[in-house]
């Protein structure tokens, strides 16, 4: 499994946008992103923290159905 680097919430959002996600809304420090796929709509919530914990980042990627490899390539 590739090593995930610590990134900010803003960097994670940028990488997910490169993968086709679009910001839908924001409430406080949490941004909701969605993407249309052939299987249906996929969404995730990214907290706008200065540095995301690795477990939080893994959870976001799991929600988004994005592999760590895809994510790291799009950072």
N, C-alpha and C. Protein backbone atom coordinates (compact mmCIF):
# COMPACT_ATOMS: atom_id res chain seq x y z
N UNK A 1 0.86 -1.18 0.00
CA UNK A 1 0.00 0.00 0.00
C UNK A 1 0.90 1.24 0.00
N UNK A 2 0.61 2.19 -0.88
CA UNK A 2 1.45 3.39 -0.94
C UNK A 2 1.26 4.25 0.31
N UNK A 3 2.31 4.94 0.63
CA UNK A 3 2.27 5.78 1.81
C UNK A 3 1.55 7.09 1.49
N UNK A 4 0.56 7.40 2.28
CA UNK A 4 -0.14 8.67 2.11
C UNK A 4 0.62 9.76 2.86
N UNK A 5 0.76 10.90 2.24
CA UNK A 5 1.42 12.03 2.88
C UNK A 5 0.38 12.88 3.57
N UNK A 6 0.79 13.59 4.59
CA UNK A 6 -0.12 14.51 5.25
C UNK A 6 -0.35 15.70 4.34
N UNK A 7 -1.60 16.00 4.10
CA UNK A 7 -1.96 17.14 3.24
C UNK A 7 -3.01 17.98 3.96
N UNK A 8 -3.18 19.19 3.49
CA UNK A 8 -4.23 20.04 4.06
C UNK A 8 -5.56 19.68 3.41
N UNK A 9 -6.63 20.15 4.00
CA UNK A 9 -7.95 19.92 3.43
C UNK A 9 -8.06 20.53 2.04
N UNK A 10 -7.47 21.72 1.85
CA UNK A 10 -7.52 22.41 0.56
C UNK A 10 -6.77 21.62 -0.52
N UNK A 11 -5.62 21.03 -0.17
CA UNK A 11 -4.86 20.22 -1.12
C UNK A 11 -5.64 18.96 -1.49
N UNK A 12 -6.31 18.36 -0.52
CA UNK A 12 -7.11 17.16 -0.78
C UNK A 12 -8.26 17.49 -1.73
N UNK A 13 -8.91 18.64 -1.53
CA UNK A 13 -10.01 19.06 -2.39
C UNK A 13 -9.51 19.27 -3.82
N UNK A 14 -8.35 19.92 -3.97
CA UNK A 14 -7.78 20.15 -5.30
C UNK A 14 -7.51 18.83 -6.03
N UNK A 15 -6.94 17.86 -5.31
CA UNK A 15 -6.65 16.56 -5.91
C UNK A 15 -7.94 15.84 -6.31
N UNK A 16 -8.97 15.91 -5.47
CA UNK A 16 -10.24 15.27 -5.79
C UNK A 16 -10.92 15.96 -6.98
N UNK A 17 -10.77 17.28 -7.08
CA UNK A 17 -11.34 18.00 -8.23
C UNK A 17 -10.66 17.56 -9.52
N UNK A 18 -9.36 17.28 -9.46
CA UNK A 18 -8.66 16.78 -10.64
C UNK A 18 -9.18 15.41 -11.05
N UNK A 19 -9.74 14.68 -10.09
CA UNK A 19 -10.31 13.36 -10.35
C UNK A 19 -11.78 13.44 -10.78
N UNK A 20 -12.31 14.64 -10.95
CA UNK A 20 -13.68 14.80 -11.45
C UNK A 20 -14.72 15.18 -10.42
N UNK A 21 -14.34 15.38 -9.18
CA UNK A 21 -15.29 15.78 -8.15
C UNK A 21 -15.59 17.27 -8.25
N UNK A 22 -16.79 17.66 -7.83
CA UNK A 22 -17.23 19.06 -7.86
C UNK A 22 -17.71 19.43 -6.47
N UNK A 23 -17.35 20.64 -6.03
CA UNK A 23 -17.82 21.11 -4.73
C UNK A 23 -19.31 21.41 -4.82
N UNK A 24 -20.08 20.83 -3.93
CA UNK A 24 -21.53 21.02 -3.91
C UNK A 24 -21.92 22.09 -2.91
N UNK A 25 -21.39 21.97 -1.69
CA UNK A 25 -21.72 22.95 -0.66
C UNK A 25 -20.66 22.91 0.44
N UNK A 26 -20.75 23.91 1.32
CA UNK A 26 -19.84 23.98 2.46
C UNK A 26 -20.64 24.44 3.66
N UNK A 27 -20.37 23.81 4.78
CA UNK A 27 -21.00 24.25 6.03
C UNK A 27 -19.89 24.33 7.07
N UNK A 28 -19.55 25.52 7.45
CA UNK A 28 -18.45 25.71 8.39
C UNK A 28 -17.15 25.28 7.74
N UNK A 29 -16.45 24.34 8.37
CA UNK A 29 -15.16 23.91 7.86
C UNK A 29 -15.23 22.58 7.12
N UNK A 30 -16.42 22.18 6.67
CA UNK A 30 -16.57 20.92 5.94
C UNK A 30 -17.13 21.18 4.54
N UNK A 31 -16.44 20.62 3.54
CA UNK A 31 -16.84 20.80 2.14
C UNK A 31 -17.35 19.46 1.62
N UNK A 32 -18.50 19.48 0.94
CA UNK A 32 -19.09 18.29 0.35
C UNK A 32 -18.78 18.29 -1.14
N UNK A 33 -18.19 17.17 -1.61
CA UNK A 33 -17.87 17.02 -3.02
C UNK A 33 -18.64 15.83 -3.59
N UNK A 34 -19.03 15.91 -4.86
CA UNK A 34 -19.74 14.81 -5.50
C UNK A 34 -19.21 14.61 -6.91
N UNK A 35 -19.45 13.38 -7.41
CA UNK A 35 -19.01 13.02 -8.75
C UNK A 35 -20.01 12.03 -9.33
N UNK A 36 -20.40 12.22 -10.58
CA UNK A 36 -21.29 11.28 -11.26
C UNK A 36 -20.46 10.15 -11.85
N UNK A 37 -20.86 8.91 -11.60
CA UNK A 37 -20.19 7.74 -12.18
C UNK A 37 -21.25 6.88 -12.84
N UNK A 38 -20.85 5.93 -13.68
CA UNK A 38 -21.84 5.03 -14.29
C UNK A 38 -22.67 4.26 -13.26
N UNK A 39 -22.08 3.99 -12.08
CA UNK A 39 -22.79 3.25 -11.02
C UNK A 39 -23.70 4.16 -10.21
N UNK A 40 -23.58 5.46 -10.36
CA UNK A 40 -24.38 6.41 -9.59
C UNK A 40 -23.52 7.54 -9.07
N UNK A 41 -24.07 8.28 -8.11
CA UNK A 41 -23.36 9.43 -7.56
C UNK A 41 -22.48 9.00 -6.39
N UNK A 42 -21.25 9.54 -6.37
CA UNK A 42 -20.31 9.27 -5.27
C UNK A 42 -20.01 10.59 -4.60
N UNK A 43 -20.04 10.61 -3.27
CA UNK A 43 -19.78 11.85 -2.55
C UNK A 43 -18.84 11.64 -1.39
N UNK A 44 -18.26 12.74 -0.94
CA UNK A 44 -17.38 12.68 0.24
C UNK A 44 -17.38 14.04 0.92
N UNK A 45 -16.96 14.05 2.17
CA UNK A 45 -16.90 15.27 2.97
C UNK A 45 -15.44 15.47 3.38
N UNK A 46 -14.89 16.65 3.07
CA UNK A 46 -13.50 16.95 3.41
C UNK A 46 -13.47 18.10 4.41
N UNK A 47 -12.85 17.88 5.58
CA UNK A 47 -12.71 18.98 6.54
C UNK A 47 -11.59 19.93 6.10
N UNK A 48 -11.80 21.22 6.26
CA UNK A 48 -10.79 22.21 5.86
C UNK A 48 -9.79 22.45 6.99
N UNK A 49 -9.07 21.42 7.36
CA UNK A 49 -8.06 21.55 8.40
C UNK A 49 -6.72 21.87 7.78
N UNK A 50 -5.85 22.46 8.58
CA UNK A 50 -4.51 22.81 8.09
C UNK A 50 -3.74 21.55 7.69
N UNK A 51 -3.95 20.47 8.44
CA UNK A 51 -3.31 19.19 8.15
C UNK A 51 -4.28 18.08 8.50
N UNK A 52 -4.61 17.22 7.52
CA UNK A 52 -5.53 16.12 7.77
C UNK A 52 -4.76 14.95 8.37
N UNK A 53 -5.34 14.32 9.37
CA UNK A 53 -4.76 13.11 9.93
C UNK A 53 -4.84 12.02 8.86
N UNK A 54 -3.90 11.08 8.87
CA UNK A 54 -3.86 10.02 7.86
C UNK A 54 -5.15 9.20 7.89
N UNK A 55 -5.66 8.91 9.08
CA UNK A 55 -6.92 8.14 9.19
C UNK A 55 -8.09 8.90 8.59
N UNK A 56 -8.12 10.21 8.78
CA UNK A 56 -9.19 11.04 8.20
C UNK A 56 -9.09 11.03 6.68
N UNK A 57 -7.86 11.16 6.16
CA UNK A 57 -7.66 11.15 4.72
C UNK A 57 -8.07 9.80 4.13
N UNK A 58 -7.73 8.71 4.80
CA UNK A 58 -8.14 7.37 4.33
C UNK A 58 -9.66 7.26 4.29
N UNK A 59 -10.32 7.81 5.31
CA UNK A 59 -11.78 7.79 5.36
C UNK A 59 -12.39 8.58 4.20
N UNK A 60 -11.82 9.74 3.90
CA UNK A 60 -12.31 10.56 2.78
C UNK A 60 -12.15 9.79 1.48
N UNK A 61 -11.00 9.15 1.28
CA UNK A 61 -10.75 8.40 0.05
C UNK A 61 -11.68 7.19 -0.06
N UNK A 62 -11.99 6.58 1.07
CA UNK A 62 -12.91 5.44 1.07
C UNK A 62 -14.31 5.90 0.66
N UNK A 63 -14.76 7.04 1.21
CA UNK A 63 -16.07 7.60 0.84
C UNK A 63 -16.11 7.91 -0.65
N UNK A 64 -14.99 8.46 -1.17
CA UNK A 64 -14.92 8.90 -2.56
C UNK A 64 -14.66 7.74 -3.52
N UNK A 65 -14.37 6.55 -2.99
CA UNK A 65 -14.03 5.38 -3.79
C UNK A 65 -12.83 5.67 -4.70
N UNK A 66 -11.81 6.29 -4.09
CA UNK A 66 -10.56 6.63 -4.78
C UNK A 66 -9.44 5.87 -4.09
N UNK A 67 -8.56 5.26 -4.88
CA UNK A 67 -7.44 4.54 -4.28
C UNK A 67 -6.36 5.53 -3.85
N UNK A 68 -5.56 5.15 -2.87
CA UNK A 68 -4.46 6.04 -2.45
C UNK A 68 -3.49 6.35 -3.60
N UNK A 69 -3.29 5.37 -4.52
CA UNK A 69 -2.41 5.58 -5.66
C UNK A 69 -2.95 6.69 -6.57
N UNK A 70 -4.25 6.60 -6.89
CA UNK A 70 -4.89 7.63 -7.73
C UNK A 70 -4.76 9.00 -7.07
N UNK A 71 -5.01 9.04 -5.77
CA UNK A 71 -4.97 10.30 -5.05
C UNK A 71 -3.57 10.90 -5.08
N UNK A 72 -2.55 10.10 -4.77
CA UNK A 72 -1.18 10.61 -4.73
C UNK A 72 -0.72 11.07 -6.11
N UNK A 73 -1.19 10.43 -7.18
CA UNK A 73 -0.82 10.84 -8.54
C UNK A 73 -1.42 12.19 -8.89
N UNK A 74 -2.52 12.55 -8.26
CA UNK A 74 -3.21 13.80 -8.58
C UNK A 74 -2.95 14.93 -7.60
N UNK A 75 -2.03 14.72 -6.67
CA UNK A 75 -1.69 15.79 -5.72
C UNK A 75 -0.96 16.93 -6.41
